[in-house]
């Protein structure tokens, strides 16, 4: 099942001005679902991507995008406070979980 990362990968690829982009990428199985897995490190190296966080939801230790956001709550709150735009690609359930995590993060930071 596609993860919906394609539009965000396009934004990263087209980031010629090297604006900071922090991408949290959720997938079920990294062996088959890590789309753009070869391109993302290169984009990070050349400054098109600032940070890549991954979350794998299947396996021995499931980890979701909302978990990755909560783990970096202080940095995420700082980014949003400084004008970051939040874009979500994926299913409705995942989007709802991300919205809940962001609400928790932002409530803690005032």
N, C-alpha and C. Protein backbone atom coordinates (compact mmCIF):
# COMPACT_ATOMS: atom_id res chain seq x y z
N UNK A 1 0.85 -1.17 0.00
CA UNK A 1 0.00 0.00 0.00
C UNK A 1 0.90 1.25 0.00
N UNK A 2 0.69 2.17 -0.90
CA UNK A 2 1.50 3.38 -0.93
C UNK A 2 1.33 4.20 0.34
N UNK A 3 2.36 4.88 0.71
CA UNK A 3 2.33 5.67 1.94
C UNK A 3 1.88 7.09 1.72
N UNK A 4 1.84 7.54 0.48
CA UNK A 4 1.45 8.92 0.23
C UNK A 4 2.58 9.91 0.33
N UNK A 5 3.81 9.44 0.38
CA UNK A 5 4.96 10.33 0.53
C UNK A 5 5.33 11.03 -0.77
N UNK A 6 4.80 10.59 -1.90
CA UNK A 6 5.16 11.14 -3.20
C UNK A 6 5.09 12.66 -3.29
N UNK A 7 3.97 13.28 -2.89
CA UNK A 7 3.91 14.75 -2.97
C UNK A 7 4.97 15.44 -2.11
N UNK A 8 5.24 14.89 -0.94
CA UNK A 8 6.25 15.49 -0.07
C UNK A 8 7.64 15.29 -0.65
N UNK A 9 7.88 14.14 -1.27
CA UNK A 9 9.17 13.91 -1.93
C UNK A 9 9.37 14.92 -3.05
N UNK A 10 8.30 15.25 -3.75
CA UNK A 10 8.38 16.26 -4.80
C UNK A 10 8.75 17.63 -4.24
N UNK A 11 8.20 17.98 -3.08
CA UNK A 11 8.56 19.25 -2.45
C UNK A 11 10.03 19.27 -2.04
N UNK A 12 10.51 18.15 -1.50
CA UNK A 12 11.91 18.07 -1.11
C UNK A 12 12.80 18.16 -2.34
N UNK A 13 12.48 17.38 -3.36
CA UNK A 13 13.27 17.39 -4.59
C UNK A 13 13.34 18.79 -5.19
N UNK A 14 12.25 19.52 -5.13
CA UNK A 14 12.20 20.85 -5.71
C UNK A 14 12.68 21.97 -4.79
N UNK A 15 13.24 21.63 -3.65
CA UNK A 15 13.66 22.62 -2.66
C UNK A 15 15.03 23.22 -3.03
N UNK A 16 15.08 23.90 -4.17
CA UNK A 16 16.34 24.48 -4.65
C UNK A 16 16.84 25.60 -3.74
N UNK A 17 15.94 26.25 -3.02
CA UNK A 17 16.35 27.35 -2.11
C UNK A 17 16.88 26.84 -0.78
N UNK A 18 16.82 25.53 -0.60
CA UNK A 18 17.34 24.87 0.62
C UNK A 18 16.66 25.37 1.89
N UNK A 19 15.34 25.54 1.81
CA UNK A 19 14.58 25.89 3.01
C UNK A 19 14.56 24.68 3.92
N UNK A 20 14.51 24.88 5.23
CA UNK A 20 14.52 23.72 6.14
C UNK A 20 13.25 22.88 5.98
N UNK A 21 13.45 21.60 5.75
CA UNK A 21 12.34 20.65 5.67
C UNK A 21 12.66 19.49 6.60
N UNK A 22 11.75 19.21 7.52
CA UNK A 22 11.86 18.09 8.44
C UNK A 22 10.76 17.11 8.05
N UNK A 23 11.15 15.93 7.62
CA UNK A 23 10.19 14.93 7.14
C UNK A 23 10.12 13.77 8.11
N UNK A 24 8.92 13.48 8.58
CA UNK A 24 8.65 12.29 9.39
C UNK A 24 7.92 11.32 8.48
N UNK A 25 8.54 10.20 8.19
CA UNK A 25 8.07 9.26 7.18
C UNK A 25 7.67 7.95 7.85
N UNK A 26 6.37 7.64 7.78
CA UNK A 26 5.87 6.40 8.34
C UNK A 26 5.68 5.35 7.27
N UNK A 27 6.00 4.11 7.63
CA UNK A 27 5.85 2.99 6.70
C UNK A 27 5.53 1.74 7.49
N UNK A 28 5.00 0.76 6.79
CA UNK A 28 4.73 -0.51 7.45
C UNK A 28 5.96 -1.40 7.48
N UNK A 29 6.56 -1.60 6.32
CA UNK A 29 7.72 -2.49 6.19
C UNK A 29 8.82 -1.75 5.43
N UNK A 30 9.96 -1.48 6.05
CA UNK A 30 11.00 -0.72 5.36
C UNK A 30 11.55 -1.41 4.11
N UNK A 31 11.50 -2.73 4.09
CA UNK A 31 12.02 -3.47 2.93
C UNK A 31 11.21 -3.18 1.66
N UNK A 32 9.91 -2.94 1.82
CA UNK A 32 9.06 -2.73 0.64
C UNK A 32 8.42 -1.34 0.59
N UNK A 33 8.38 -0.62 1.69
CA UNK A 33 7.63 0.63 1.75
C UNK A 33 8.47 1.89 1.90
N UNK A 34 9.78 1.77 1.92
CA UNK A 34 10.63 2.94 2.10
C UNK A 34 10.86 3.59 0.74
N UNK A 35 9.77 4.19 0.23
CA UNK A 35 9.82 4.85 -1.07
C UNK A 35 10.80 6.02 -0.99
N UNK A 36 11.54 6.23 -2.06
CA UNK A 36 12.55 7.28 -2.14
C UNK A 36 13.69 7.04 -1.15
N UNK A 37 13.85 5.80 -0.72
CA UNK A 37 14.89 5.45 0.25
C UNK A 37 16.30 5.73 -0.23
N UNK A 38 16.51 5.70 -1.52
CA UNK A 38 17.84 6.02 -2.05
C UNK A 38 18.00 7.53 -2.26
N UNK A 39 16.93 8.21 -2.61
CA UNK A 39 17.00 9.64 -2.88
C UNK A 39 17.06 10.48 -1.60
N UNK A 40 16.33 10.08 -0.57
CA UNK A 40 16.24 10.90 0.64
C UNK A 40 17.59 11.21 1.27
N UNK A 41 18.49 10.23 1.44
CA UNK A 41 19.81 10.58 2.00
C UNK A 41 20.58 11.56 1.11
N UNK A 42 20.46 11.42 -0.19
CA UNK A 42 21.15 12.36 -1.10
C UNK A 42 20.56 13.76 -0.98
N UNK A 43 19.24 13.86 -0.85
CA UNK A 43 18.62 15.17 -0.68
C UNK A 43 19.04 15.80 0.63
N UNK A 44 19.21 14.96 1.66
CA UNK A 44 19.66 15.47 2.95
C UNK A 44 21.09 15.97 2.83
N UNK A 45 21.92 15.21 2.15
CA UNK A 45 23.32 15.59 1.99
C UNK A 45 23.48 16.90 1.23
N UNK A 46 22.64 17.13 0.24
CA UNK A 46 22.80 18.37 -0.54
C UNK A 46 21.95 19.53 0.00
N UNK A 47 21.33 19.35 1.18
CA UNK A 47 20.64 20.46 1.83
C UNK A 47 19.19 20.65 1.47
N UNK A 48 18.63 19.78 0.63
CA UNK A 48 17.21 19.90 0.28
C UNK A 48 16.32 19.39 1.40
N UNK A 49 16.86 18.53 2.25
CA UNK A 49 16.14 17.94 3.37
C UNK A 49 16.98 18.16 4.63
N UNK A 50 16.38 18.75 5.66
CA UNK A 50 17.11 19.05 6.88
C UNK A 50 17.16 17.85 7.81
N UNK A 51 16.02 17.18 7.97
CA UNK A 51 15.92 16.07 8.94
C UNK A 51 14.97 15.02 8.39
N UNK A 52 15.34 13.76 8.56
CA UNK A 52 14.48 12.65 8.19
C UNK A 52 14.27 11.77 9.41
N UNK A 53 13.03 11.66 9.83
CA UNK A 53 12.66 10.75 10.91
C UNK A 53 11.77 9.67 10.33
N UNK A 54 12.03 8.42 10.67
CA UNK A 54 11.21 7.33 10.15
C UNK A 54 10.49 6.62 11.29
N UNK A 55 9.37 6.02 10.94
CA UNK A 55 8.57 5.25 11.89
C UNK A 55 8.08 4.01 11.16
N UNK A 56 8.30 2.85 11.76
CA UNK A 56 7.90 1.58 11.16
C UNK A 56 6.82 0.96 12.03
N UNK A 57 5.64 0.75 11.45
CA UNK A 57 4.48 0.33 12.24
C UNK A 57 4.30 -1.18 12.36
N UNK A 58 5.07 -1.95 11.63
CA UNK A 58 4.95 -3.41 11.74
C UNK A 58 6.27 -3.97 12.23
N UNK A 59 6.19 -5.11 12.89
CA UNK A 59 7.39 -5.73 13.39
C UNK A 59 7.35 -5.85 14.90
N UNK A 60 8.50 -6.14 15.48
CA UNK A 60 8.58 -6.40 16.91
C UNK A 60 8.28 -5.18 17.76
N UNK A 61 8.66 -3.99 17.27
CA UNK A 61 8.45 -2.75 18.04
C UNK A 61 7.77 -1.71 17.17
N UNK A 62 6.44 -1.78 17.04
CA UNK A 62 5.74 -0.80 16.21
C UNK A 62 5.97 0.63 16.69
N UNK A 63 6.20 1.51 15.73
CA UNK A 63 6.47 2.92 16.00
C UNK A 63 5.75 3.71 14.91
N UNK A 64 4.98 4.69 15.32
CA UNK A 64 4.16 5.45 14.38
C UNK A 64 4.68 6.88 14.25
N UNK A 65 4.23 7.57 13.21
CA UNK A 65 4.64 8.95 12.98
C UNK A 65 4.34 9.80 14.21
N UNK A 66 3.17 9.63 14.80
CA UNK A 66 2.83 10.42 15.98
C UNK A 66 3.79 10.15 17.14
N UNK A 67 4.31 8.91 17.23
CA UNK A 67 5.31 8.60 18.25
C UNK A 67 6.61 9.36 17.97
N UNK A 68 7.00 9.40 16.70
CA UNK A 68 8.21 10.12 16.31
C UNK A 68 8.07 11.61 16.61
N UNK A 69 6.90 12.17 16.35
CA UNK A 69 6.66 13.58 16.65
C UNK A 69 6.75 13.83 18.16
N UNK A 70 6.12 12.97 18.94
CA UNK A 70 6.15 13.14 20.40
C UNK A 70 7.58 13.02 20.94
N UNK A 71 8.37 12.14 20.35
CA UNK A 71 9.76 11.96 20.79
C UNK A 71 10.59 13.21 20.56
N UNK A 72 10.18 14.03 19.61
CA UNK A 72 10.90 15.27 19.30
C UNK A 72 10.01 16.49 19.57
N UNK A 73 9.19 16.38 20.60
CA UNK A 73 8.17 17.39 20.89
C UNK A 73 8.73 18.80 21.02
N UNK A 74 9.84 18.96 21.71
CA UNK A 74 10.40 20.30 21.90
C UNK A 74 10.80 20.91 20.57
N UNK A 75 11.50 20.14 19.75
CA UNK A 75 11.93 20.65 18.45
C UNK A 75 10.73 20.92 17.55
N UNK A 76 9.74 20.03 17.55
CA UNK A 76 8.54 20.21 16.73
C UNK A 76 7.81 21.48 17.16
N UNK A 77 7.66 21.69 18.46
CA UNK A 77 6.99 22.91 18.94
C UNK A 77 7.76 24.15 18.53
N UNK A 78 9.09 24.10 18.62
CA UNK A 78 9.91 25.25 18.19
C UNK A 78 9.73 25.54 16.71
N UNK A 79 9.73 24.50 15.90
CA UNK A 79 9.55 24.67 14.46
C UNK A 79 8.21 25.34 14.15
N UNK A 80 7.15 24.86 14.78
CA UNK A 80 5.82 25.41 14.53
C UNK A 80 5.72 26.85 15.04
N UNK A 81 6.29 27.09 16.22
CA UNK A 81 6.29 28.45 16.78
C UNK A 81 7.01 29.43 15.86
N UNK A 82 8.01 28.93 15.12
CA UNK A 82 8.78 29.77 14.21
C UNK A 82 8.24 29.77 12.79
N UNK A 83 6.99 29.31 12.61
CA UNK A 83 6.33 29.44 11.32
C UNK A 83 6.35 28.22 10.43
N UNK A 84 6.74 27.08 10.94
CA UNK A 84 6.76 25.87 10.11
C UNK A 84 5.36 25.53 9.62
N UNK A 85 5.31 25.00 8.42
CA UNK A 85 4.06 24.47 7.88
C UNK A 85 4.06 22.97 8.09
N UNK A 86 2.92 22.44 8.47
CA UNK A 86 2.79 21.00 8.69
C UNK A 86 1.95 20.43 7.57
N UNK A 87 2.51 19.46 6.85
CA UNK A 87 1.80 18.80 5.76
C UNK A 87 1.77 17.31 6.06
N UNK A 88 0.62 16.69 5.84
CA UNK A 88 0.46 15.28 6.15
C UNK A 88 -0.05 14.56 4.91
N UNK A 89 0.63 13.50 4.54
CA UNK A 89 0.16 12.61 3.48
C UNK A 89 -0.04 11.24 4.09
N UNK A 90 -1.16 10.64 3.85
CA UNK A 90 -1.44 9.31 4.40
C UNK A 90 -2.92 9.15 4.63
N UNK A 91 -3.27 8.08 5.31
CA UNK A 91 -4.66 7.77 5.57
C UNK A 91 -5.28 8.66 6.64
N UNK A 92 -6.59 8.62 6.71
CA UNK A 92 -7.32 9.44 7.69
C UNK A 92 -6.96 9.09 9.12
N UNK A 93 -6.82 7.80 9.41
CA UNK A 93 -6.49 7.40 10.77
C UNK A 93 -5.13 7.94 11.19
N UNK A 94 -4.16 7.86 10.28
CA UNK A 94 -2.84 8.38 10.57
C UNK A 94 -2.90 9.88 10.74
N UNK A 95 -3.63 10.57 9.88
CA UNK A 95 -3.74 12.02 9.98
C UNK A 95 -4.38 12.42 11.31
N UNK A 96 -5.38 11.69 11.75
CA UNK A 96 -6.02 12.00 13.03
C UNK A 96 -5.03 11.79 14.18
N UNK A 97 -4.25 10.72 14.13
CA UNK A 97 -3.24 10.48 15.16
C UNK A 97 -2.18 11.57 15.19
N UNK A 98 -1.77 12.03 14.02
CA UNK A 98 -0.79 13.12 13.93
C UNK A 98 -1.39 14.40 14.48
N UNK A 99 -2.64 14.69 14.14
CA UNK A 99 -3.30 15.90 14.66
C UNK A 99 -3.38 15.86 16.18
N UNK A 100 -3.71 14.70 16.74
CA UNK A 100 -3.78 14.56 18.20
C UNK A 100 -2.41 14.78 18.83
N UNK A 101 -1.36 14.20 18.23
CA UNK A 101 -0.01 14.36 18.76
C UNK A 101 0.41 15.83 18.71
N UNK A 102 0.12 16.51 17.60
CA UNK A 102 0.48 17.92 17.49
C UNK A 102 -0.28 18.76 18.51
N UNK A 103 -1.54 18.44 18.73
CA UNK A 103 -2.32 19.17 19.74
C UNK A 103 -1.71 19.00 21.13
N UNK A 104 -1.27 17.80 21.47
CA UNK A 104 -0.61 17.55 22.76
C UNK A 104 0.70 18.34 22.86
N UNK A 105 1.49 18.28 21.81
CA UNK A 105 2.79 18.96 21.79
C UNK A 105 2.62 20.46 21.96
N UNK A 106 1.67 21.02 21.23
CA UNK A 106 1.47 22.47 21.27
C UNK A 106 0.81 22.91 22.58
N UNK A 107 -0.04 22.07 23.16
CA UNK A 107 -0.67 22.42 24.43
C UNK A 107 0.39 22.52 25.53
N UNK A 108 1.38 21.61 25.51
CA UNK A 108 2.45 21.63 26.51
C UNK A 108 3.31 22.88 26.40
N UNK A 109 3.46 23.37 25.17
CA UNK A 109 4.36 24.50 24.98
C UNK A 109 3.63 25.85 25.04
N UNK A 110 2.34 25.80 25.31
CA UNK A 110 1.58 27.04 25.44
C UNK A 110 1.15 27.56 24.11
